[in-house]
Amino acid sequence: MENFEKYKEYTKAANWAEIGKLNDVNLDSFGTKKELKALPQYLEADEVVFALTSGIMSQTATSNSFDFGTNTWLVVLTSDRFLFLDAAMLSSSVDTQSIRHNHVQAVSASQGLVLGKIMVDLGSRTLIIDNCQKATVKVMANLANKWIKELSENRANAAGVMATPSQTPLLDLLERLDKLFSLGAMSEKEFNEARSRLLDSSKFKTEKAKFLASIP
């Protein structure tokens, strides 16, 4: 992802306006100030925000009981998922929904004269976020599709590392795993399991034995 380190820096600082500028859009906080303030509490460790917008979504089974009808949600595209936040009007509670990227098939955008719409294709259904700021919908769809493609390619590369012919130096395999982990291609648990499998392989044991034998 281009500008990944900048996105990471601005996420850590909760500087949502700068993320908007990075995407060449102005962040419209009207109707989502409470959600933007609460957002850092709902981000996971090392989760990076790529884009933000707001839009209308229908009530769900877990929606705030103090709200009625359709609500304005803060829509956040991160390195891990689509995250949706809706703060209650009469209380401090926040309703959250999220969709992991591995469940998303494609993201599309539709721009009208004034507002726009985002459609998230989940295969079995399509999630629609309507009445979004026009300039943000194309940006969010493009970034989402680009990132999902990168994640898919990185997962394929990670699988390739584990299936690499045994003549590849162990250090090279470990370095490739480190790079894939830093790019978000695998979770920390997946990374540790893959690394353990490499270190426990017979190839590693052979190399370790040769190294120990070379010590005077």
N, C-alpha and C. Protein backbone atom coordinates (compact mmCIF):
# COMPACT_ATOMS: atom_id res chain seq x y z
N MET A 1 0.85 -1.19 0.00
CA MET A 1 0.00 0.00 0.00
C MET A 1 0.89 1.24 0.00
N GLU A 2 0.67 2.11 -0.97
CA GLU A 2 1.42 3.35 -1.05
C GLU A 2 1.12 4.21 0.19
N ASN A 3 2.16 4.85 0.72
CA ASN A 3 2.04 5.71 1.90
C ASN A 3 1.64 4.95 3.17
N PHE A 4 1.94 3.66 3.22
CA PHE A 4 1.53 2.85 4.39
C PHE A 4 2.07 3.43 5.69
N GLU A 5 3.35 3.83 5.68
CA GLU A 5 3.95 4.35 6.91
C GLU A 5 3.30 5.66 7.34
N LYS A 6 2.88 6.48 6.37
CA LYS A 6 2.17 7.72 6.71
C LYS A 6 0.81 7.41 7.33
N TYR A 7 0.09 6.47 6.72
CA TYR A 7 -1.20 6.05 7.29
C TYR A 7 -1.01 5.56 8.73
N LYS A 8 0.05 4.79 8.92
CA LYS A 8 0.33 4.24 10.25
C LYS A 8 0.64 5.36 11.25
N GLU A 9 1.41 6.34 10.82
CA GLU A 9 1.77 7.47 11.68
C GLU A 9 0.54 8.27 12.08
N TYR A 10 -0.32 8.58 11.10
CA TYR A 10 -1.50 9.38 11.38
C TYR A 10 -2.53 8.60 12.21
N THR A 11 -2.58 7.28 12.03
CA THR A 11 -3.48 6.46 12.84
C THR A 11 -3.05 6.49 14.30
N LYS A 12 -1.76 6.34 14.52
CA LYS A 12 -1.24 6.35 15.89
C LYS A 12 -1.54 7.68 16.57
N ALA A 13 -1.50 8.76 15.79
CA ALA A 13 -1.76 10.10 16.34
C ALA A 13 -3.24 10.45 16.33
N ALA A 14 -4.08 9.53 15.82
CA ALA A 14 -5.52 9.79 15.68
C ALA A 14 -5.78 11.06 14.89
N ASN A 15 -4.94 11.27 13.88
CA ASN A 15 -5.04 12.47 13.04
C ASN A 15 -5.83 12.11 11.78
N TRP A 16 -7.13 12.07 11.93
CA TRP A 16 -7.99 11.62 10.83
C TRP A 16 -8.03 12.63 9.68
N ALA A 17 -7.88 13.90 10.00
CA ALA A 17 -7.89 14.92 8.95
C ALA A 17 -6.71 14.74 8.00
N GLU A 18 -5.54 14.38 8.54
CA GLU A 18 -4.36 14.17 7.69
C GLU A 18 -4.51 12.94 6.81
N ILE A 19 -5.21 11.93 7.32
CA ILE A 19 -5.48 10.76 6.48
C ILE A 19 -6.36 11.17 5.31
N GLY A 20 -7.33 12.06 5.57
CA GLY A 20 -8.16 12.58 4.50
C GLY A 20 -7.32 13.31 3.47
N LYS A 21 -6.42 14.16 3.93
CA LYS A 21 -5.56 14.91 3.02
C LYS A 21 -4.67 13.99 2.21
N LEU A 22 -4.21 12.90 2.85
CA LEU A 22 -3.38 11.93 2.16
C LEU A 22 -4.14 11.30 1.00
N ASN A 23 -5.47 11.22 1.15
CA ASN A 23 -6.33 10.66 0.11
C ASN A 23 -6.93 11.73 -0.80
N ASP A 24 -6.48 12.98 -0.62
CA ASP A 24 -6.97 14.12 -1.41
C ASP A 24 -8.46 14.38 -1.22
N VAL A 25 -8.95 14.15 0.00
CA VAL A 25 -10.35 14.48 0.33
C VAL A 25 -10.37 15.19 1.68
N ASN A 26 -11.38 15.99 1.88
CA ASN A 26 -11.56 16.66 3.17
C ASN A 26 -12.48 15.82 4.04
N LEU A 27 -12.05 15.56 5.27
CA LEU A 27 -12.86 14.77 6.18
C LEU A 27 -14.03 15.59 6.68
N ASP A 28 -15.24 15.11 6.41
CA ASP A 28 -16.45 15.77 6.88
C ASP A 28 -16.89 15.07 8.17
N SER A 29 -16.71 15.75 9.29
CA SER A 29 -17.02 15.14 10.60
C SER A 29 -18.45 15.41 11.05
N PHE A 30 -19.24 16.06 10.21
CA PHE A 30 -20.62 16.37 10.60
C PHE A 30 -21.40 15.07 10.86
N GLY A 31 -21.95 14.97 12.05
CA GLY A 31 -22.74 13.79 12.41
C GLY A 31 -21.93 12.63 12.93
N THR A 32 -20.59 12.71 12.91
CA THR A 32 -19.77 11.59 13.37
C THR A 32 -18.66 12.03 14.33
N LYS A 33 -18.80 13.17 14.96
CA LYS A 33 -17.76 13.66 15.87
C LYS A 33 -17.57 12.72 17.05
N LYS A 34 -18.65 12.20 17.59
CA LYS A 34 -18.55 11.28 18.73
C LYS A 34 -17.87 9.98 18.29
N GLU A 35 -18.19 9.52 17.09
CA GLU A 35 -17.59 8.28 16.59
C GLU A 35 -16.10 8.45 16.33
N LEU A 36 -15.72 9.60 15.76
CA LEU A 36 -14.30 9.85 15.50
C LEU A 36 -13.50 9.93 16.79
N LYS A 37 -14.10 10.51 17.81
CA LYS A 37 -13.43 10.60 19.11
C LYS A 37 -13.26 9.22 19.73
N ALA A 38 -14.24 8.35 19.51
CA ALA A 38 -14.21 7.01 20.11
C ALA A 38 -13.38 6.02 19.30
N LEU A 39 -13.10 6.34 18.05
CA LEU A 39 -12.45 5.39 17.14
C LEU A 39 -11.19 4.73 17.69
N PRO A 40 -10.24 5.47 18.28
CA PRO A 40 -9.01 4.82 18.78
C PRO A 40 -9.27 3.67 19.74
N GLN A 41 -10.37 3.75 20.49
CA GLN A 41 -10.69 2.69 21.46
C GLN A 41 -11.08 1.38 20.79
N TYR A 42 -11.50 1.46 19.53
CA TYR A 42 -12.01 0.27 18.85
C TYR A 42 -11.03 -0.28 17.81
N LEU A 43 -9.88 0.35 17.68
CA LEU A 43 -8.85 -0.17 16.78
C LEU A 43 -8.01 -1.20 17.50
N GLU A 44 -7.64 -2.25 16.79
CA GLU A 44 -6.79 -3.28 17.36
C GLU A 44 -5.33 -2.85 17.32
N ALA A 45 -4.49 -3.55 18.05
CA ALA A 45 -3.06 -3.22 18.07
C ALA A 45 -2.49 -3.30 16.65
N ASP A 46 -1.78 -2.28 16.25
CA ASP A 46 -1.12 -2.20 14.94
C ASP A 46 -2.11 -2.09 13.76
N GLU A 47 -3.39 -1.87 14.04
CA GLU A 47 -4.35 -1.68 12.96
C GLU A 47 -4.17 -0.28 12.38
N VAL A 48 -4.13 -0.19 11.06
CA VAL A 48 -3.85 1.07 10.38
C VAL A 48 -5.09 1.53 9.62
N VAL A 49 -5.45 2.79 9.78
CA VAL A 49 -6.60 3.36 9.09
C VAL A 49 -6.17 3.92 7.74
N PHE A 50 -6.88 3.52 6.68
CA PHE A 50 -6.58 3.99 5.33
C PHE A 50 -7.55 5.07 4.84
N ALA A 51 -8.79 4.99 5.25
CA ALA A 51 -9.80 5.94 4.75
C ALA A 51 -10.99 5.97 5.69
N LEU A 52 -11.68 7.13 5.70
CA LEU A 52 -12.87 7.29 6.53
C LEU A 52 -13.94 8.03 5.75
N THR A 53 -15.18 7.69 6.03
CA THR A 53 -16.31 8.43 5.49
C THR A 53 -17.49 8.20 6.43
N SER A 54 -18.61 8.75 6.11
CA SER A 54 -19.81 8.50 6.90
C SER A 54 -20.96 8.26 5.94
N GLY A 55 -21.94 7.50 6.38
CA GLY A 55 -23.07 7.19 5.52
C GLY A 55 -24.22 6.57 6.27
N ILE A 56 -25.30 6.40 5.58
CA ILE A 56 -26.52 5.84 6.17
C ILE A 56 -26.55 4.33 6.01
N MET A 57 -26.79 3.65 7.14
CA MET A 57 -26.96 2.20 7.14
C MET A 57 -28.21 1.87 7.93
N SER A 58 -28.87 0.79 7.58
CA SER A 58 -30.07 0.38 8.30
C SER A 58 -29.72 -0.16 9.67
N GLN A 59 -30.68 -0.16 10.56
CA GLN A 59 -30.51 -0.72 11.89
C GLN A 59 -30.20 -2.21 11.80
N THR A 60 -29.43 -2.71 12.76
CA THR A 60 -29.15 -4.13 12.87
C THR A 60 -29.66 -4.62 14.22
N ALA A 61 -29.51 -5.91 14.46
CA ALA A 61 -30.00 -6.49 15.72
C ALA A 61 -29.26 -5.93 16.92
N THR A 62 -28.05 -5.40 16.71
CA THR A 62 -27.26 -4.88 17.83
C THR A 62 -27.23 -3.37 17.87
N SER A 63 -28.06 -2.70 17.07
CA SER A 63 -28.05 -1.24 17.05
C SER A 63 -28.48 -0.65 18.38
N ASN A 64 -28.06 0.58 18.59
CA ASN A 64 -28.39 1.26 19.85
C ASN A 64 -29.90 1.38 20.02
N SER A 65 -30.38 1.01 21.20
CA SER A 65 -31.81 1.03 21.45
C SER A 65 -32.38 2.45 21.52
N PHE A 66 -31.48 3.45 21.69
CA PHE A 66 -31.93 4.84 21.78
C PHE A 66 -32.09 5.48 20.40
N ASP A 67 -31.66 4.78 19.33
CA ASP A 67 -31.75 5.32 17.99
C ASP A 67 -32.90 4.66 17.25
N PHE A 68 -33.39 5.34 16.25
CA PHE A 68 -34.54 4.83 15.51
C PHE A 68 -34.29 4.97 14.01
N GLY A 69 -34.85 4.03 13.24
CA GLY A 69 -34.75 4.12 11.78
C GLY A 69 -33.33 3.92 11.29
N THR A 70 -32.98 4.64 10.22
CA THR A 70 -31.64 4.54 9.67
C THR A 70 -30.70 5.47 10.41
N ASN A 71 -29.45 5.08 10.54
CA ASN A 71 -28.47 5.84 11.30
C ASN A 71 -27.31 6.27 10.42
N THR A 72 -26.65 7.35 10.85
CA THR A 72 -25.41 7.77 10.20
C THR A 72 -24.25 7.08 10.91
N TRP A 73 -23.51 6.29 10.16
CA TRP A 73 -22.39 5.53 10.70
C TRP A 73 -21.06 6.12 10.23
N LEU A 74 -20.05 6.01 11.08
CA LEU A 74 -18.69 6.28 10.65
C LEU A 74 -18.17 5.01 9.99
N VAL A 75 -17.70 5.12 8.77
CA VAL A 75 -17.20 3.97 8.01
C VAL A 75 -15.68 4.10 7.92
N VAL A 76 -14.97 3.08 8.38
CA VAL A 76 -13.52 3.14 8.44
C VAL A 76 -12.92 1.94 7.70
N LEU A 77 -12.06 2.23 6.74
CA LEU A 77 -11.31 1.18 6.05
C LEU A 77 -9.95 1.07 6.73
N THR A 78 -9.65 -0.10 7.28
CA THR A 78 -8.37 -0.30 7.95
C THR A 78 -7.59 -1.42 7.28
N SER A 79 -6.40 -1.67 7.79
CA SER A 79 -5.56 -2.74 7.25
C SER A 79 -6.14 -4.11 7.53
N ASP A 80 -7.07 -4.21 8.48
CA ASP A 80 -7.64 -5.50 8.88
C ASP A 80 -9.08 -5.71 8.43
N ARG A 81 -9.84 -4.61 8.25
CA ARG A 81 -11.28 -4.79 8.08
C ARG A 81 -11.96 -3.48 7.67
N PHE A 82 -13.27 -3.61 7.43
CA PHE A 82 -14.16 -2.47 7.40
C PHE A 82 -14.74 -2.36 8.82
N LEU A 83 -14.63 -1.21 9.42
CA LEU A 83 -15.13 -1.00 10.77
C LEU A 83 -16.21 0.08 10.72
N PHE A 84 -17.34 -0.19 11.37
CA PHE A 84 -18.47 0.75 11.38
C PHE A 84 -18.78 1.12 12.83
N LEU A 85 -18.90 2.42 13.09
CA LEU A 85 -19.22 2.90 14.43
C LEU A 85 -20.45 3.80 14.38
N ASP A 86 -21.33 3.63 15.38
CA ASP A 86 -22.52 4.46 15.50
C ASP A 86 -22.73 4.78 16.97
N ALA A 87 -22.48 6.04 17.34
CA ALA A 87 -22.67 6.46 18.74
C ALA A 87 -24.13 6.78 18.99
N ALA A 88 -24.63 6.36 20.12
CA ALA A 88 -26.03 6.63 20.48
C ALA A 88 -26.24 8.12 20.72
N MET A 89 -27.42 8.59 20.39
CA MET A 89 -27.73 10.00 20.53
C MET A 89 -27.87 10.43 21.98
N LEU A 90 -28.44 9.55 22.82
CA LEU A 90 -28.78 9.95 24.18
C LEU A 90 -27.94 9.25 25.24
N SER A 91 -26.88 8.56 24.83
CA SER A 91 -26.01 7.89 25.80
C SER A 91 -24.60 7.85 25.24
N SER A 92 -23.68 7.28 26.02
CA SER A 92 -22.29 7.20 25.60
C SER A 92 -21.97 5.88 24.90
N SER A 93 -22.97 5.03 24.70
CA SER A 93 -22.72 3.73 24.08
C SER A 93 -22.43 3.87 22.59
N VAL A 94 -21.65 2.95 22.07
CA VAL A 94 -21.28 2.95 20.66
C VAL A 94 -21.55 1.57 20.07
N ASP A 95 -22.31 1.53 19.01
CA ASP A 95 -22.58 0.29 18.29
C ASP A 95 -21.48 0.07 17.28
N THR A 96 -20.94 -1.11 17.20
CA THR A 96 -19.86 -1.40 16.25
C THR A 96 -20.20 -2.62 15.41
N GLN A 97 -19.77 -2.58 14.18
CA GLN A 97 -19.85 -3.73 13.27
C GLN A 97 -18.51 -3.79 12.54
N SER A 98 -18.10 -4.96 12.12
CA SER A 98 -16.88 -5.03 11.33
C SER A 98 -16.94 -6.21 10.37
N ILE A 99 -16.23 -6.06 9.27
CA ILE A 99 -16.15 -7.10 8.24
C ILE A 99 -14.68 -7.30 7.90
N ARG A 100 -14.16 -8.48 8.17
CA ARG A 100 -12.77 -8.79 7.85
C ARG A 100 -12.60 -8.86 6.34
N HIS A 101 -11.41 -8.47 5.88
CA HIS A 101 -11.18 -8.38 4.44
C HIS A 101 -11.30 -9.73 3.72
N ASN A 102 -11.05 -10.81 4.44
CA ASN A 102 -11.13 -12.11 3.78
C ASN A 102 -12.57 -12.51 3.44
N HIS A 103 -13.55 -11.75 3.96
CA HIS A 103 -14.96 -12.01 3.63
C HIS A 103 -15.45 -11.12 2.48
N VAL A 104 -14.62 -10.18 2.06
CA VAL A 104 -15.02 -9.22 1.03
C VAL A 104 -14.55 -9.68 -0.34
N GLN A 105 -15.47 -9.72 -1.30
CA GLN A 105 -15.12 -10.11 -2.66
C GLN A 105 -14.74 -8.90 -3.52
N ALA A 106 -15.45 -7.80 -3.33
CA ALA A 106 -15.16 -6.59 -4.09
C ALA A 106 -15.89 -5.41 -3.44
N VAL A 107 -15.39 -4.23 -3.73
CA VAL A 107 -16.02 -3.00 -3.23
C VAL A 107 -16.23 -2.07 -4.41
N SER A 108 -17.41 -1.52 -4.53
CA SER A 108 -17.70 -0.61 -5.63
C SER A 108 -18.30 0.68 -5.09
N ALA A 109 -18.27 1.72 -5.92
CA ALA A 109 -18.76 3.03 -5.51
C ALA A 109 -19.64 3.61 -6.59
N SER A 110 -20.61 4.38 -6.16
CA SER A 110 -21.51 5.07 -7.09
C SER A 110 -21.60 6.53 -6.65
N GLN A 111 -21.37 7.44 -7.58
CA GLN A 111 -21.39 8.86 -7.27
C GLN A 111 -22.57 9.54 -7.94
N GLY A 112 -23.39 10.23 -7.13
CA GLY A 112 -24.50 10.99 -7.68
C GLY A 112 -24.10 12.44 -7.86
N LEU A 113 -25.08 13.31 -7.99
CA LEU A 113 -24.79 14.72 -8.18
C LEU A 113 -24.16 15.34 -6.94
N VAL A 114 -24.63 14.91 -5.75
CA VAL A 114 -24.14 15.50 -4.51
C VAL A 114 -23.50 14.47 -3.60
N LEU A 115 -24.15 13.31 -3.43
CA LEU A 115 -23.68 12.28 -2.52
C LEU A 115 -23.27 11.02 -3.27
N GLY A 116 -22.72 10.06 -2.52
CA GLY A 116 -22.28 8.82 -3.13
C GLY A 116 -22.70 7.62 -2.32
N LYS A 117 -22.39 6.45 -2.84
CA LYS A 117 -22.80 5.20 -2.21
C LYS A 117 -21.66 4.19 -2.33
N ILE A 118 -21.47 3.39 -1.28
CA ILE A 118 -20.46 2.32 -1.28
C ILE A 118 -21.16 0.99 -1.17
N MET A 119 -20.80 0.04 -2.05
CA MET A 119 -21.36 -1.31 -2.00
C MET A 119 -20.24 -2.32 -1.71
N VAL A 120 -20.39 -3.06 -0.62
CA VAL A 120 -19.40 -4.07 -0.24
C VAL A 120 -19.98 -5.44 -0.55
N ASP A 121 -19.41 -6.11 -1.54
CA ASP A 121 -19.89 -7.42 -1.98
C ASP A 121 -19.32 -8.50 -1.07
N LEU A 122 -20.20 -9.17 -0.34
CA LEU A 122 -19.79 -10.23 0.58
C LEU A 122 -20.10 -11.62 0.03
N GLY A 123 -20.46 -11.69 -1.24
CA GLY A 123 -20.81 -12.97 -1.84
C GLY A 123 -22.26 -13.31 -1.66
N SER A 124 -22.66 -13.60 -0.44
CA SER A 124 -24.05 -13.97 -0.16
C SER A 124 -24.96 -12.76 -0.05
N ARG A 125 -24.38 -11.60 0.17
CA ARG A 125 -25.17 -10.38 0.28
C ARG A 125 -24.29 -9.18 -0.02
N THR A 126 -24.92 -8.03 -0.21
CA THR A 126 -24.18 -6.80 -0.46
C THR A 126 -24.54 -5.77 0.60
N LEU A 127 -23.54 -5.25 1.27
CA LEU A 127 -23.75 -4.21 2.27
C LEU A 127 -23.69 -2.86 1.58
N ILE A 128 -24.69 -2.03 1.82
CA ILE A 128 -24.77 -0.72 1.16
C ILE A 128 -24.67 0.39 2.21
N ILE A 129 -23.75 1.32 1.97
CA ILE A 129 -23.63 2.52 2.79
C ILE A 129 -24.00 3.69 1.89
N ASP A 130 -25.10 4.33 2.18
CA ASP A 130 -25.65 5.36 1.30
C ASP A 130 -25.42 6.76 1.87
N ASN A 131 -25.66 7.77 1.03
CA ASN A 131 -25.56 9.18 1.44
C ASN A 131 -24.18 9.52 2.00
N CYS A 132 -23.13 9.00 1.36
CA CYS A 132 -21.75 9.30 1.76
C CYS A 132 -21.28 10.57 1.06
N GLN A 133 -20.27 11.20 1.64
CA GLN A 133 -19.64 12.33 0.99
C GLN A 133 -19.12 11.86 -0.37
N LYS A 134 -19.52 12.53 -1.42
CA LYS A 134 -19.27 12.08 -2.79
C LYS A 134 -17.80 11.75 -3.07
N ALA A 135 -16.90 12.63 -2.66
CA ALA A 135 -15.48 12.45 -2.99
C ALA A 135 -14.86 11.24 -2.31
N THR A 136 -15.45 10.81 -1.18
CA THR A 136 -14.82 9.75 -0.40
C THR A 136 -15.11 8.34 -0.91
N VAL A 137 -16.23 8.16 -1.63
CA VAL A 137 -16.64 6.80 -1.97
C VAL A 137 -15.70 6.14 -2.98
N LYS A 138 -15.27 6.89 -3.98
CA LYS A 138 -14.36 6.33 -4.97
C LYS A 138 -13.00 6.02 -4.35
N VAL A 139 -12.54 6.94 -3.48
CA VAL A 139 -11.27 6.73 -2.79
C VAL A 139 -11.31 5.47 -1.95
N MET A 140 -12.39 5.31 -1.17
CA MET A 140 -12.49 4.14 -0.28
C MET A 140 -12.58 2.84 -1.08
N ALA A 141 -13.36 2.84 -2.16
CA ALA A 141 -13.50 1.64 -2.98
C ALA A 141 -12.17 1.27 -3.62
N ASN A 142 -11.46 2.25 -4.16
CA ASN A 142 -10.18 1.98 -4.82
C ASN A 142 -9.15 1.46 -3.84
N LEU A 143 -9.05 2.10 -2.67
CA LEU A 143 -8.09 1.65 -1.66
C LEU A 143 -8.43 0.26 -1.15
N ALA A 144 -9.71 -0.01 -0.94
CA ALA A 144 -10.13 -1.32 -0.44
C ALA A 144 -9.79 -2.41 -1.43
N ASN A 145 -10.12 -2.22 -2.70
CA ASN A 145 -9.84 -3.24 -3.71
C ASN A 145 -8.34 -3.45 -3.88
N LYS A 146 -7.58 -2.36 -3.83
CA LYS A 146 -6.12 -2.47 -3.95
C LYS A 146 -5.54 -3.25 -2.78
N TRP A 147 -6.00 -2.93 -1.56
CA TRP A 147 -5.46 -3.59 -0.37
C TRP A 147 -5.86 -5.06 -0.31
N ILE A 148 -7.11 -5.36 -0.66
CA ILE A 148 -7.58 -6.74 -0.65
C ILE A 148 -6.77 -7.58 -1.65
N LYS A 149 -6.46 -6.98 -2.80
CA LYS A 149 -5.64 -7.67 -3.79
C LYS A 149 -4.25 -7.93 -3.25
N GLU A 150 -3.66 -6.93 -2.59
CA GLU A 150 -2.33 -7.09 -2.01
C GLU A 150 -2.33 -8.19 -0.95
N LEU A 151 -3.35 -8.19 -0.10
CA LEU A 151 -3.43 -9.22 0.93
C LEU A 151 -3.51 -10.61 0.32
N SER A 152 -4.31 -10.74 -0.75
CA SER A 152 -4.46 -12.03 -1.42
C SER A 152 -3.13 -12.49 -2.00
N GLU A 153 -2.41 -11.57 -2.64
CA GLU A 153 -1.11 -11.92 -3.22
C GLU A 153 -0.11 -12.27 -2.13
N ASN A 154 -0.14 -11.53 -1.03
CA ASN A 154 0.79 -11.80 0.06
C ASN A 154 0.52 -13.14 0.73
N ARG A 155 -0.77 -13.50 0.83
CA ARG A 155 -1.09 -14.81 1.41
C ARG A 155 -0.59 -15.93 0.50
N ALA A 156 -0.71 -15.71 -0.81
CA ALA A 156 -0.20 -16.70 -1.76
C ALA A 156 1.32 -16.82 -1.64
N ASN A 157 1.98 -15.69 -1.44
CA ASN A 157 3.43 -15.71 -1.27
C ASN A 157 3.82 -16.42 0.03
N ALA A 158 3.02 -16.19 1.08
CA ALA A 158 3.28 -16.85 2.36
C ALA A 158 3.16 -18.36 2.22
N ALA A 159 2.14 -18.79 1.47
CA ALA A 159 1.98 -20.22 1.23
C ALA A 159 3.15 -20.76 0.42
N GLY A 160 3.64 -19.93 -0.49
CA GLY A 160 4.78 -20.34 -1.31
C GLY A 160 6.05 -20.51 -0.50
N VAL A 161 6.19 -19.67 0.53
CA VAL A 161 7.37 -19.78 1.40
C VAL A 161 7.41 -21.15 2.07
N MET A 162 6.25 -21.59 2.54
CA MET A 162 6.20 -22.87 3.24
C MET A 162 6.38 -24.04 2.28
N ALA A 163 6.12 -23.83 0.99
CA ALA A 163 6.27 -24.91 0.01
C ALA A 163 7.56 -24.77 -0.80
N THR A 164 8.45 -23.86 -0.36
CA THR A 164 9.68 -23.61 -1.09
C THR A 164 10.60 -24.83 -1.05
N PRO A 165 11.26 -25.15 -2.17
CA PRO A 165 12.20 -26.28 -2.19
C PRO A 165 13.24 -26.18 -1.08
N SER A 166 13.65 -27.32 -0.58
CA SER A 166 14.51 -27.37 0.60
C SER A 166 15.88 -26.73 0.38
N GLN A 167 16.30 -26.51 -0.91
CA GLN A 167 17.62 -25.94 -1.12
C GLN A 167 17.67 -24.44 -0.82
N THR A 168 16.53 -23.80 -0.64
CA THR A 168 16.52 -22.38 -0.30
C THR A 168 17.06 -22.19 1.11
N PRO A 169 18.04 -21.30 1.29
CA PRO A 169 18.61 -21.08 2.62
C PRO A 169 17.54 -20.72 3.65
N LEU A 170 17.68 -21.26 4.83
CA LEU A 170 16.70 -21.02 5.88
C LEU A 170 16.57 -19.54 6.21
N LEU A 171 17.70 -18.83 6.24
CA LEU A 171 17.68 -17.41 6.56
C LEU A 171 16.83 -16.64 5.56
N ASP A 172 16.90 -17.01 4.29
CA ASP A 172 16.10 -16.34 3.27
C ASP A 172 14.61 -16.57 3.53
N LEU A 173 14.25 -17.79 3.90
CA LEU A 173 12.85 -18.10 4.18
C LEU A 173 12.33 -17.30 5.37
N LEU A 174 13.17 -17.20 6.40
CA LEU A 174 12.77 -16.45 7.59
C LEU A 174 12.61 -14.96 7.27
N GLU A 175 13.51 -14.44 6.44
CA GLU A 175 13.43 -13.03 6.05
C GLU A 175 12.16 -12.77 5.23
N ARG A 176 11.81 -13.71 4.35
CA ARG A 176 10.60 -13.57 3.56
C ARG A 176 9.35 -13.62 4.45
N LEU A 177 9.38 -14.48 5.47
CA LEU A 177 8.27 -14.53 6.42
C LEU A 177 8.13 -13.21 7.17
N ASP A 178 9.27 -12.65 7.60
CA ASP A 178 9.25 -11.37 8.31
C ASP A 178 8.63 -10.28 7.44
N LYS A 179 9.01 -10.26 6.17
CA LYS A 179 8.48 -9.24 5.26
C LYS A 179 6.98 -9.40 5.06
N LEU A 180 6.52 -10.63 4.87
CA LEU A 180 5.10 -10.88 4.69
C LEU A 180 4.30 -10.50 5.93
N PHE A 181 4.87 -10.77 7.09
CA PHE A 181 4.19 -10.39 8.34
C PHE A 181 4.09 -8.88 8.46
N SER A 182 5.17 -8.17 8.11
CA SER A 182 5.16 -6.71 8.20
C SER A 182 4.18 -6.09 7.21
N LEU A 183 3.89 -6.79 6.11
CA LEU A 183 2.94 -6.30 5.11
C LEU A 183 1.50 -6.65 5.46
N GLY A 184 1.31 -7.38 6.54
CA GLY A 184 -0.05 -7.73 6.96
C GLY A 184 -0.61 -8.96 6.28
N ALA A 185 0.26 -9.77 5.66
CA ALA A 185 -0.21 -10.95 4.95
C ALA A 185 -0.64 -12.07 5.90
N MET A 186 -0.17 -12.01 7.13
CA MET A 186 -0.53 -13.03 8.10
C MET A 186 -0.59 -12.41 9.48
N SER A 187 -1.39 -13.04 10.34
CA SER A 187 -1.50 -12.56 11.71
C SER A 187 -0.25 -12.95 12.50
N GLU A 188 -0.13 -12.41 13.70
CA GLU A 188 1.02 -12.75 14.53
C GLU A 188 1.04 -14.24 14.86
N LYS A 189 -0.15 -14.80 15.09
CA LYS A 189 -0.25 -16.23 15.39
C LYS A 189 0.19 -17.07 14.19
N GLU A 190 -0.27 -16.69 12.99
CA GLU A 190 0.12 -17.42 11.77
C GLU A 190 1.62 -17.30 11.53
N PHE A 191 2.16 -16.11 11.76
CA PHE A 191 3.60 -15.89 11.58
C PHE A 191 4.41 -16.78 12.52
N ASN A 192 4.02 -16.80 13.79
CA ASN A 192 4.76 -17.59 14.78
C ASN A 192 4.68 -19.08 14.47
N GLU A 193 3.51 -19.54 14.01
CA GLU A 193 3.35 -20.96 13.67
C GLU A 193 4.21 -21.32 12.46
N ALA A 194 4.21 -20.45 11.43
CA ALA A 194 5.00 -20.71 10.23
C ALA A 194 6.49 -20.70 10.56
N ARG A 195 6.89 -19.76 11.39
CA ARG A 195 8.31 -19.67 11.77
C ARG A 195 8.74 -20.90 12.57
N SER A 196 7.86 -21.35 13.44
CA SER A 196 8.17 -22.54 14.24
C SER A 196 8.32 -23.77 13.36
N ARG A 197 7.44 -23.87 12.34
CA ARG A 197 7.53 -25.03 11.43
C ARG A 197 8.86 -25.03 10.68
N LEU A 198 9.30 -23.84 10.28
CA LEU A 198 10.58 -23.76 9.58
C LEU A 198 11.74 -24.13 10.50
N LEU A 199 11.71 -23.60 11.71
CA LEU A 199 12.80 -23.85 12.65
C LEU A 199 12.83 -25.30 13.12
N ASP A 200 11.67 -25.95 13.10
CA ASP A 200 11.59 -27.35 13.54
C ASP A 200 11.81 -28.33 12.40
N SER A 201 11.98 -27.80 11.20
CA SER A 201 12.14 -28.69 10.04
C SER A 201 13.46 -29.44 10.11
N SER A 202 13.49 -30.56 9.42
CA SER A 202 14.72 -31.38 9.42
C SER A 202 15.87 -30.62 8.77
N LYS A 203 15.54 -29.75 7.82
CA LYS A 203 16.57 -28.95 7.15
C LYS A 203 17.28 -28.06 8.16
N PHE A 204 16.51 -27.44 9.05
CA PHE A 204 17.10 -26.57 10.05
C PHE A 204 17.98 -27.38 11.00
N LYS A 205 17.48 -28.54 11.39
CA LYS A 205 18.25 -29.37 12.31
C LYS A 205 19.58 -29.78 11.68
N THR A 206 19.55 -30.04 10.36
CA THR A 206 20.78 -30.41 9.66
C THR A 206 21.75 -29.24 9.65
N GLU A 207 21.23 -28.05 9.34
CA GLU A 207 22.09 -26.87 9.30
C GLU A 207 22.65 -26.56 10.69
N LYS A 208 21.80 -26.73 11.71
CA LYS A 208 22.25 -26.49 13.07
C LYS A 208 23.38 -27.45 13.46
N ALA A 209 23.21 -28.70 13.06
CA ALA A 209 24.23 -29.71 13.38
C ALA A 209 25.55 -29.35 12.69
N LYS A 210 25.49 -28.91 11.42
CA LYS A 210 26.70 -28.51 10.70
C LYS A 210 27.38 -27.33 11.36
N PHE A 211 26.54 -26.37 11.80
CA PHE A 211 27.10 -25.19 12.47
C PHE A 211 27.81 -25.57 13.76
N LEU A 212 27.15 -26.42 14.56
CA LEU A 212 27.76 -26.82 15.83
C LEU A 212 29.05 -27.62 15.60
N ALA A 213 29.03 -28.43 14.54
CA ALA A 213 30.23 -29.24 14.24
C ALA A 213 31.40 -28.38 13.79
N SER A 214 31.09 -27.19 13.26
CA SER A 214 32.15 -26.32 12.75
C SER A 214 32.83 -25.53 13.86
N ILE A 215 32.20 -25.53 15.05
CA ILE A 215 32.77 -24.77 16.16
C ILE A 215 33.92 -25.58 16.77
N PRO A 216 35.09 -24.95 16.90
CA PRO A 216 36.26 -25.66 17.46
C PRO A 216 35.99 -26.16 18.88
